[in-house]
């Protein structure tokens, strides 16, 4: 086995996440920036457990601010500098590699002082390749919570599903041999369905007298009711 290669050209601290690691490692919100946490000195704060059109992760590198990070997809900046996350993202199944530059990176990749995450999307090859997938999360796979059992409440619905696929290969323009082996395509699509859980909420509604315009008994005597329930006597 060959020994580890010593970086002698620069003092850059960085790490590369390969397509195999992207495919095999579990990411709850399928946000490629979650892989930044694999590097020393990076802490990721996941705000949502479901991927949306924009990234939900915020992260701090070496104690820096979350708004000081750089995020790019195929070389194009995508980060929202006001919130420290992404304005747009791509599917994990459309991600080839993810490079995380923690510190001491060159000026060509530095826009801010924080960590730099560079995602590269997949491309077509000389052979046709495709994939289809379906990921499903359902409350039927989990036990009810302690507080629901204490109150005799049924398990809260929590259903998230990802359905998608991709296809890539060579692209040849008829009667134009110069394009043979030179053009490639790769397309991907993903559909996300979500049913978020919502806990029990107590609210106060108008009494029968207040609905008639009589507020003589309003104030401290008002009785709250549980949402969707009946008045407490």
C-alpha atoms as a PDB file:
ATOM      1  CA  UNK A   1       0.000   0.000   0.000  1.00  0.00           C
ATOM      2  CA  UNK A   2       1.156   3.496  -0.789  1.00  0.00           C
ATOM      3  CA  UNK A   3       1.684   5.969   1.995  1.00  0.00           C
ATOM      4  CA  UNK A   4      -0.270   9.164   2.409  1.00  0.00           C
ATOM      5  CA  UNK A   5       0.738  11.903  -0.006  1.00  0.00           C
ATOM      6  CA  UNK A   6       2.083  14.962   1.769  1.00  0.00           C
ATOM      7  CA  UNK A   7       0.733  18.269   0.518  1.00  0.00           C
ATOM      8  CA  UNK A   8       3.841  20.284  -0.248  1.00  0.00           C
ATOM      9  CA  UNK A   9       2.512  22.830  -2.742  1.00  0.00           C
ATOM     10  CA  UNK A  10       0.337  24.792  -0.297  1.00  0.00           C
ATOM     11  CA  UNK A  11      -0.859  24.882   3.304  1.00  0.00           C
ATOM     12  CA  UNK A  12      -4.497  24.379   2.251  1.00  0.00           C
ATOM     13  CA  UNK A  13      -6.678  22.233   4.493  1.00  0.00           C
ATOM     14  CA  UNK A  14      -9.345  20.498   2.433  1.00  0.00           C
ATOM     15  CA  UNK A  15     -11.134  17.202   1.894  1.00  0.00           C
ATOM     16  CA  UNK A  16     -12.886  15.505  -1.024  1.00  0.00           C
ATOM     17  CA  UNK A  17     -16.131  13.514  -0.789  1.00  0.00           C
ATOM     18  CA  UNK A  18     -16.409  11.038  -3.666  1.00  0.00           C
ATOM     19  CA  UNK A  19     -19.560   9.914  -5.484  1.00  0.00           C
ATOM     20  CA  UNK A  20     -19.380   6.552  -3.674  1.00  0.00           C
ATOM     21  CA  UNK A  21     -19.451   8.290  -0.302  1.00  0.00           C
ATOM     22  CA  UNK A  22     -22.316  10.524  -1.432  1.00  0.00           C
ATOM     23  CA  UNK A  23     -24.275   7.409  -2.388  1.00  0.00           C
ATOM     24  CA  UNK A  24     -23.445   5.282   0.670  1.00  0.00           C
ATOM     25  CA  UNK A  25     -23.495   7.778   3.555  1.00  0.00           C
ATOM     26  CA  UNK A  26     -26.834   8.695   5.116  1.00  0.00           C
ATOM     27  CA  UNK A  27     -27.903  12.352   4.990  1.00  0.00           C
ATOM     28  CA  UNK A  28     -31.291  12.988   6.568  1.00  0.00           C
ATOM     29  CA  UNK A  29     -32.133  16.111   4.550  1.00  0.00           C
ATOM     30  CA  UNK A  30     -30.216  15.114   1.375  1.00  0.00           C
ATOM     31  CA  UNK A  31     -28.339  18.418   1.411  1.00  0.00           C
ATOM     32  CA  UNK A  32     -24.823  18.060  -0.009  1.00  0.00           C
ATOM     33  CA  UNK A  33     -23.446  20.697   2.374  1.00  0.00           C
ATOM     34  CA  UNK A  34     -23.992  18.204   5.221  1.00  0.00           C
ATOM     35  CA  UNK A  35     -20.805  16.448   4.092  1.00  0.00           C
ATOM     36  CA  UNK A  36     -18.813  19.468   5.232  1.00  0.00           C
ATOM     37  CA  UNK A  37     -19.113  18.116   8.766  1.00  0.00           C
ATOM     38  CA  UNK A  38     -16.803  15.248   7.806  1.00  0.00           C
ATOM     39  CA  UNK A  39     -13.911  17.699   7.919  1.00  0.00           C
ATOM     40  CA  UNK A  40     -12.231  18.681  11.220  1.00  0.00           C
ATOM     41  CA  UNK A  41     -13.298  22.035  12.604  1.00  0.00           C
ATOM     42  CA  UNK A  42     -16.684  22.191  10.843  1.00  0.00           C
ATOM     43  CA  UNK A  43     -20.009  22.054  12.718  1.00  0.00           C
ATOM     44  CA  UNK A  44     -23.274  21.788  10.753  1.00  0.00           C
ATOM     45  CA  UNK A  45     -26.606  23.023  12.138  1.00  0.00           C
ATOM     46  CA  UNK A  46     -29.532  21.327  10.363  1.00  0.00           C
ATOM     47  CA  UNK A  47     -32.635  23.526  10.508  1.00  0.00           C
ATOM     48  CA  UNK A  48     -34.978  21.143   8.652  1.00  0.00           C
ATOM     49  CA  UNK A  49     -35.007  17.399   8.051  1.00  0.00           C
ATOM     50  CA  UNK A  50     -36.384  17.727   4.506  1.00  0.00           C
ATOM     51  CA  UNK A  51     -34.635  19.096   1.442  1.00  0.00           C
ATOM     52  CA  UNK A  52     -36.250  22.139  -0.166  1.00  0.00           C
ATOM     53  CA  UNK A  53     -35.403  24.252  -3.214  1.00  0.00           C
ATOM     54  CA  UNK A  54     -32.843  26.085  -1.089  1.00  0.00           C
ATOM     55  CA  UNK A  55     -30.371  24.642   1.376  1.00  0.00           C
ATOM     56  CA  UNK A  56     -31.347  24.407   5.037  1.00  0.00           C
ATOM     57  CA  UNK A  57     -27.943  23.839   6.601  1.00  0.00           C
ATOM     58  CA  UNK A  58     -25.919  26.467   8.374  1.00  0.00           C
ATOM     59  CA  UNK A  59     -22.397  25.668   9.490  1.00  0.00           C
ATOM     60  CA  UNK A  60     -19.485  27.189  11.308  1.00  0.00           C
ATOM     61  CA  UNK A  61     -15.875  26.503  10.357  1.00  0.00           C
ATOM     62  CA  UNK A  62     -13.089  26.963  12.893  1.00  0.00           C
ATOM     63  CA  UNK A  63     -15.356  29.158  15.017  1.00  0.00           C
ATOM     64  CA  UNK A  64     -16.242  31.506  12.166  1.00  0.00           C
ATOM     65  CA  UNK A  65     -19.625  33.032  11.429  1.00  0.00           C
ATOM     66  CA  UNK A  66     -22.242  31.046   9.497  1.00  0.00           C
ATOM     67  CA  UNK A  67     -22.612  33.964   7.077  1.00  0.00           C
ATOM     68  CA  UNK A  68     -18.920  33.841   6.090  1.00  0.00           C
ATOM     69  CA  UNK A  69     -19.051  30.602   4.084  1.00  0.00           C
ATOM     70  CA  UNK A  70     -18.727  30.018   0.344  1.00  0.00           C
ATOM     71  CA  UNK A  71     -20.963  27.540  -1.505  1.00  0.00           C
ATOM     72  CA  UNK A  72     -20.679  26.863  -5.230  1.00  0.00           C
ATOM     73  CA  UNK A  73     -22.242  24.387  -7.683  1.00  0.00           C
ATOM     74  CA  UNK A  74     -20.158  23.762 -10.817  1.00  0.00           C
ATOM     75  CA  UNK A  75     -18.165  26.889 -10.037  1.00  0.00           C
ATOM     76  CA  UNK A  76     -21.184  29.199  -9.701  1.00  0.00           C
ATOM     77  CA  UNK A  77     -21.765  30.815  -6.273  1.00  0.00           C
ATOM     78  CA  UNK A  78     -25.114  29.813  -4.776  1.00  0.00           C
ATOM     79  CA  UNK A  79     -24.872  30.916  -1.167  1.00  0.00           C
ATOM     80  CA  UNK A  80     -27.233  33.348   0.486  1.00  0.00           C
ATOM     81  CA  UNK A  81     -24.829  35.665   2.286  1.00  0.00           C
ATOM     82  CA  UNK A  82     -27.572  37.055   4.520  1.00  0.00           C
ATOM     83  CA  UNK A  83     -28.446  33.690   6.072  1.00  0.00           C
ATOM     84  CA  UNK A  84     -25.399  31.517   5.492  1.00  0.00           C
ATOM     85  CA  UNK A  85     -27.223  28.864   3.440  1.00  0.00           C
ATOM     86  CA  UNK A  86     -27.876  28.264  -0.254  1.00  0.00           C
ATOM     87  CA  UNK A  87     -30.317  29.980  -2.583  1.00  0.00           C
ATOM     88  CA  UNK A  88     -30.465  26.843  -4.715  1.00  0.00           C
ATOM     89  CA  UNK A  89     -29.259  23.263  -4.452  1.00  0.00           C
ATOM     90  CA  UNK A  90     -29.051  20.031  -6.428  1.00  0.00           C
ATOM     91  CA  UNK A  91     -30.074  16.461  -5.667  1.00  0.00           C
ATOM     92  CA  UNK A  92     -27.563  14.142  -4.053  1.00  0.00           C
ATOM     93  CA  UNK A  93     -28.097  11.690  -6.920  1.00  0.00           C
ATOM     94  CA  UNK A  94     -26.989  14.460  -9.277  1.00  0.00           C
ATOM     95  CA  UNK A  95     -23.833  15.211  -7.282  1.00  0.00           C
ATOM     96  CA  UNK A  96     -20.510  13.753  -8.442  1.00  0.00           C
ATOM     97  CA  UNK A  97     -18.029  15.105  -5.887  1.00  0.00           C
ATOM     98  CA  UNK A  98     -17.968  17.582  -3.023  1.00  0.00           C
ATOM     99  CA  UNK A  99     -14.770  19.390  -2.079  1.00  0.00           C
ATOM    100  CA  UNK A 100     -14.599  21.127   1.273  1.00  0.00           C
ATOM    101  CA  UNK A 101     -11.856  23.726   1.699  1.00  0.00           C
ATOM    102  CA  UNK A 102     -11.605  24.499   5.396  1.00  0.00           C
ATOM    103  CA  UNK A 103      -8.789  27.029   5.551  1.00  0.00           C
ATOM    104  CA  UNK A 104      -5.732  28.481   3.806  1.00  0.00           C
ATOM    105  CA  UNK A 105      -7.280  28.069   0.364  1.00  0.00           C
ATOM    106  CA  UNK A 106      -6.164  30.180  -2.566  1.00  0.00           C
ATOM    107  CA  UNK A 107      -7.785  33.434  -3.649  1.00  0.00           C
ATOM    108  CA  UNK A 108      -9.395  31.828  -6.708  1.00  0.00           C
ATOM    109  CA  UNK A 109     -11.936  30.048  -4.482  1.00  0.00           C
ATOM    110  CA  UNK A 110     -12.149  32.568  -1.660  1.00  0.00           C
ATOM    111  CA  UNK A 111     -15.031  35.028  -1.591  1.00  0.00           C
ATOM    112  CA  UNK A 112     -15.497  35.051   2.170  1.00  0.00           C
ATOM    113  CA  UNK A 113     -13.386  34.053   5.135  1.00  0.00           C
ATOM    114  CA  UNK A 114     -15.315  30.898   6.062  1.00  0.00           C
ATOM    115  CA  UNK A 115     -15.338  27.358   4.722  1.00  0.00           C
ATOM    116  CA  UNK A 116     -15.666  26.827   0.955  1.00  0.00           C
ATOM    117  CA  UNK A 117     -17.854  23.982  -0.382  1.00  0.00           C
ATOM    118  CA  UNK A 118     -17.551  23.149  -4.079  1.00  0.00           C
ATOM    119  CA  UNK A 119     -20.111  20.688  -5.506  1.00  0.00           C
ATOM    120  CA  UNK A 120     -19.688  19.221  -8.983  1.00  0.00           C
ATOM    121  CA  UNK A 121     -22.718  17.756 -10.754  1.00  0.00           C
ATOM    122  CA  UNK A 122     -22.615  14.515 -12.731  1.00  0.00           C
ATOM    123  CA  UNK A 123     -22.063  14.397 -16.479  1.00  0.00           C
ATOM    124  CA  UNK A 124     -22.765  11.886 -19.207  1.00  0.00           C
ATOM    125  CA  UNK A 125     -20.214   9.285 -20.365  1.00  0.00           C
ATOM    126  CA  UNK A 126     -19.604   7.169 -23.463  1.00  0.00           C
ATOM    127  CA  UNK A 127     -22.065   4.609 -22.109  1.00  0.00           C
ATOM    128  CA  UNK A 128     -25.671   5.052 -21.051  1.00  0.00           C
ATOM    129  CA  UNK A 129     -26.189   4.991 -17.304  1.00  0.00           C
ATOM    130  CA  UNK A 130     -29.329   5.622 -15.292  1.00  0.00           C
ATOM    131  CA  UNK A 131     -30.866   5.080 -11.885  1.00  0.00           C
ATOM    132  CA  UNK A 132     -34.239   5.212 -10.186  1.00  0.00           C
ATOM    133  CA  UNK A 133     -34.894   5.490  -6.476  1.00  0.00           C
ATOM    134  CA  UNK A 134     -37.593   5.896  -3.874  1.00  0.00           C
ATOM    135  CA  UNK A 135     -36.973   6.844  -0.247  1.00  0.00           C
ATOM    136  CA  UNK A 136     -39.800   6.757   2.275  1.00  0.00           C
ATOM    137  CA  UNK A 137     -40.193   7.864   5.888  1.00  0.00           C
ATOM    138  CA  UNK A 138     -43.436   7.065   7.713  1.00  0.00           C
ATOM    139  CA  UNK A 139     -44.643   7.234  11.292  1.00  0.00           C
ATOM    140  CA  UNK A 140     -45.575   3.552  10.997  1.00  0.00           C
ATOM    141  CA  UNK A 141     -41.869   2.729  11.267  1.00  0.00           C
ATOM    142  CA  UNK A 142     -41.495   4.588  14.582  1.00  0.00           C
ATOM    143  CA  UNK A 143     -42.889   4.232  18.075  1.00  0.00           C
ATOM    144  CA  UNK A 144     -45.211   6.863  19.526  1.00  0.00           C
ATOM    145  CA  UNK A 145     -43.635   9.606  21.624  1.00  0.00           C
ATOM    146  CA  UNK A 146     -43.683   9.570  25.423  1.00  0.00           C
ATOM    147  CA  UNK A 147     -45.910  12.653  25.742  1.00  0.00           C
ATOM    148  CA  UNK A 148     -48.438  11.367  23.196  1.00  0.00           C
ATOM    149  CA  UNK A 149     -48.717   8.115  25.126  1.00  0.00           C
ATOM    150  CA  UNK A 150     -49.095  10.078  28.370  1.00  0.00           C
ATOM    151  CA  UNK A 151     -52.011  12.076  26.934  1.00  0.00           C
ATOM    152  CA  UNK A 152     -53.547   9.154  25.050  1.00  0.00           C
ATOM    153  CA  UNK A 153     -52.971  10.846  21.696  1.00  0.00           C
ATOM    154  CA  UNK A 154     -52.389   8.849  18.551  1.00  0.00           C
ATOM    155  CA  UNK A 155     -49.062   9.079  16.791  1.00  0.00           C
ATOM    156  CA  UNK A 156     -48.545  12.290  14.816  1.00  0.00           C
ATOM    157  CA  UNK A 157     -48.288  11.715  11.031  1.00  0.00           C
ATOM    158  CA  UNK A 158     -44.746  12.204   9.750  1.00  0.00           C
ATOM    159  CA  UNK A 159     -44.444  11.161   6.111  1.00  0.00           C
ATOM    160  CA  UNK A 160     -41.656  12.141   3.722  1.00  0.00           C
ATOM    161  CA  UNK A 161     -40.953  10.493   0.377  1.00  0.00           C
ATOM    162  CA  UNK A 162     -38.383  11.089  -2.348  1.00  0.00           C
ATOM    163  CA  UNK A 163     -39.051   9.766  -5.838  1.00  0.00           C
ATOM    164  CA  UNK A 164     -36.537  10.410  -8.582  1.00  0.00           C
ATOM    165  CA  UNK A 165     -34.271   9.180 -11.305  1.00  0.00           C
ATOM    166  CA  UNK A 166     -31.488  10.184 -13.666  1.00  0.00           C
ATOM    167  CA  UNK A 167     -30.106   9.244 -17.069  1.00  0.00           C
ATOM    168  CA  UNK A 168     -26.852  10.102 -18.805  1.00  0.00           C
ATOM    169  CA  UNK A 169     -24.934   9.086 -21.900  1.00  0.00           C
ATOM    170  CA  UNK A 170     -23.454  10.184 -25.225  1.00  0.00           C
ATOM    171  CA  UNK A 171     -25.211  12.708 -27.443  1.00  0.00           C
ATOM    172  CA  UNK A 172     -24.675  12.500 -31.197  1.00  0.00           C
ATOM    173  CA  UNK A 173     -26.068  14.937 -33.764  1.00  0.00           C
ATOM    174  CA  UNK A 174     -27.041  13.041 -36.921  1.00  0.00           C
ATOM    175  CA  UNK A 175     -24.909  13.651 -40.031  1.00  0.00           C
ATOM    176  CA  UNK A 176     -22.330  15.489 -37.921  1.00  0.00           C
ATOM    177  CA  UNK A 177     -19.550  13.067 -37.075  1.00  0.00           C
ATOM    178  CA  UNK A 178     -17.559  15.749 -35.245  1.00  0.00           C
ATOM    179  CA  UNK A 179     -20.011  15.409 -32.337  1.00  0.00           C
ATOM    180  CA  UNK A 180     -19.491  11.673 -31.926  1.00  0.00           C
ATOM    181  CA  UNK A 181     -17.752  11.045 -28.621  1.00  0.00           C
ATOM    182  CA  UNK A 182     -17.640  14.780 -27.900  1.00  0.00           C
ATOM    183  CA  UNK A 183     -21.117  15.614 -26.626  1.00  0.00           C
ATOM    184  CA  UNK A 184     -22.773  14.115 -23.559  1.00  0.00           C
ATOM    185  CA  UNK A 185     -25.977  14.651 -21.601  1.00  0.00           C
ATOM    186  CA  UNK A 186     -27.177  14.044 -18.070  1.00  0.00           C
ATOM    187  CA  UNK A 187     -30.664  14.718 -16.756  1.00  0.00           C
ATOM    188  CA  UNK A 188     -32.166  14.151 -13.327  1.00  0.00           C
ATOM    189  CA  UNK A 189     -35.488  14.792 -11.620  1.00  0.00           C
ATOM    190  CA  UNK A 190     -36.686  14.430  -8.048  1.00  0.00           C
ATOM    191  CA  UNK A 191     -40.119  14.769  -6.450  1.00  0.00           C
ATOM    192  CA  UNK A 192     -40.468  15.417  -2.722  1.00  0.00           C
ATOM    193  CA  UNK A 193     -43.739  14.776  -0.864  1.00  0.00           C
ATOM    194  CA  UNK A 194     -44.000  15.840   2.753  1.00  0.00           C
ATOM    195  CA  UNK A 195     -46.544  15.740   5.561  1.00  0.00           C
ATOM    196  CA  UNK A 196     -45.089  17.607   8.513  1.00  0.00           C
ATOM    197  CA  UNK A 197     -46.133  16.754  12.060  1.00  0.00           C
ATOM    198  CA  UNK A 198     -47.845  19.403  14.161  1.00  0.00           C
ATOM    199  CA  UNK A 199     -48.110  19.202  17.915  1.00  0.00           C
ATOM    200  CA  UNK A 200     -51.103  19.983  20.084  1.00  0.00           C
ATOM    201  CA  UNK A 201     -51.790  23.705  20.533  1.00  0.00           C
ATOM    202  CA  UNK A 202     -54.001  25.350  23.179  1.00  0.00           C
ATOM    203  CA  UNK A 203     -55.930  28.425  22.042  1.00  0.00           C
ATOM    204  CA  UNK A 204     -58.600  30.693  23.536  1.00  0.00           C
ATOM    205  CA  UNK A 205     -61.798  31.268  21.529  1.00  0.00           C
ATOM    206  CA  UNK A 206     -64.773  33.571  22.156  1.00  0.00           C
ATOM    207  CA  UNK A 207     -67.418  32.279  24.567  1.00  0.00           C
ATOM    208  CA  UNK A 208     -71.094  31.974  23.639  1.00  0.00           C
ATOM    209  CA  UNK A 209     -71.856  35.344  25.313  1.00  0.00           C
ATOM    210  CA  UNK A 210     -68.975  37.087  23.563  1.00  0.00           C
ATOM    211  CA  UNK A 211     -70.259  35.852  20.219  1.00  0.00           C
ATOM    212  CA  UNK A 212     -73.523  37.663  21.044  1.00  0.00           C
ATOM    213  CA  UNK A 213     -71.658  40.864  21.904  1.00  0.00           C
ATOM    214  CA  UNK A 214     -71.855  40.413  25.696  1.00  0.00           C
ATOM    215  CA  UNK A 215     -68.420  40.899  27.273  1.00  0.00           C
ATOM    216  CA  UNK A 216     -69.618  41.320  30.884  1.00  0.00           C
ATOM    217  CA  UNK A 217     -68.046  38.003  31.914  1.00  0.00           C
ATOM    218  CA  UNK A 218     -64.908  38.318  29.817  1.00  0.00           C
ATOM    219  CA  UNK A 219     -61.440  38.524  31.330  1.00  0.00           C
ATOM    220  CA  UNK A 220     -60.021  36.223  33.976  1.00  0.00           C
ATOM    221  CA  UNK A 221     -63.132  34.003  33.883  1.00  0.00           C
ATOM    222  CA  UNK A 222     -62.537  33.027  30.236  1.00  0.00           C
ATOM    223  CA  UNK A 223     -61.845  29.319  29.867  1.00  0.00           C
ATOM    224  CA  UNK A 224     -59.331  28.095  27.259  1.00  0.00           C
ATOM    225  CA  UNK A 225     -60.115  25.061  25.197  1.00  0.00           C
ATOM    226  CA  UNK A 226     -57.912  22.604  23.386  1.00  0.00           C
ATOM    227  CA  UNK A 227     -57.750  23.037  19.645  1.00  0.00           C
ATOM    228  CA  UNK A 228     -60.428  20.979  18.003  1.00  0.00           C
ATOM    229  CA  UNK A 229     -61.999  20.087  21.363  1.00  0.00           C
ATOM    230  CA  UNK A 230     -64.906  21.309  23.513  1.00  0.00           C
ATOM    231  CA  UNK A 231     -65.045  24.078  26.080  1.00  0.00           C
ATOM    232  CA  UNK A 232     -63.632  23.333  29.531  1.00  0.00           C
ATOM    233  CA  UNK A 233     -66.253  23.698  32.269  1.00  0.00           C
END
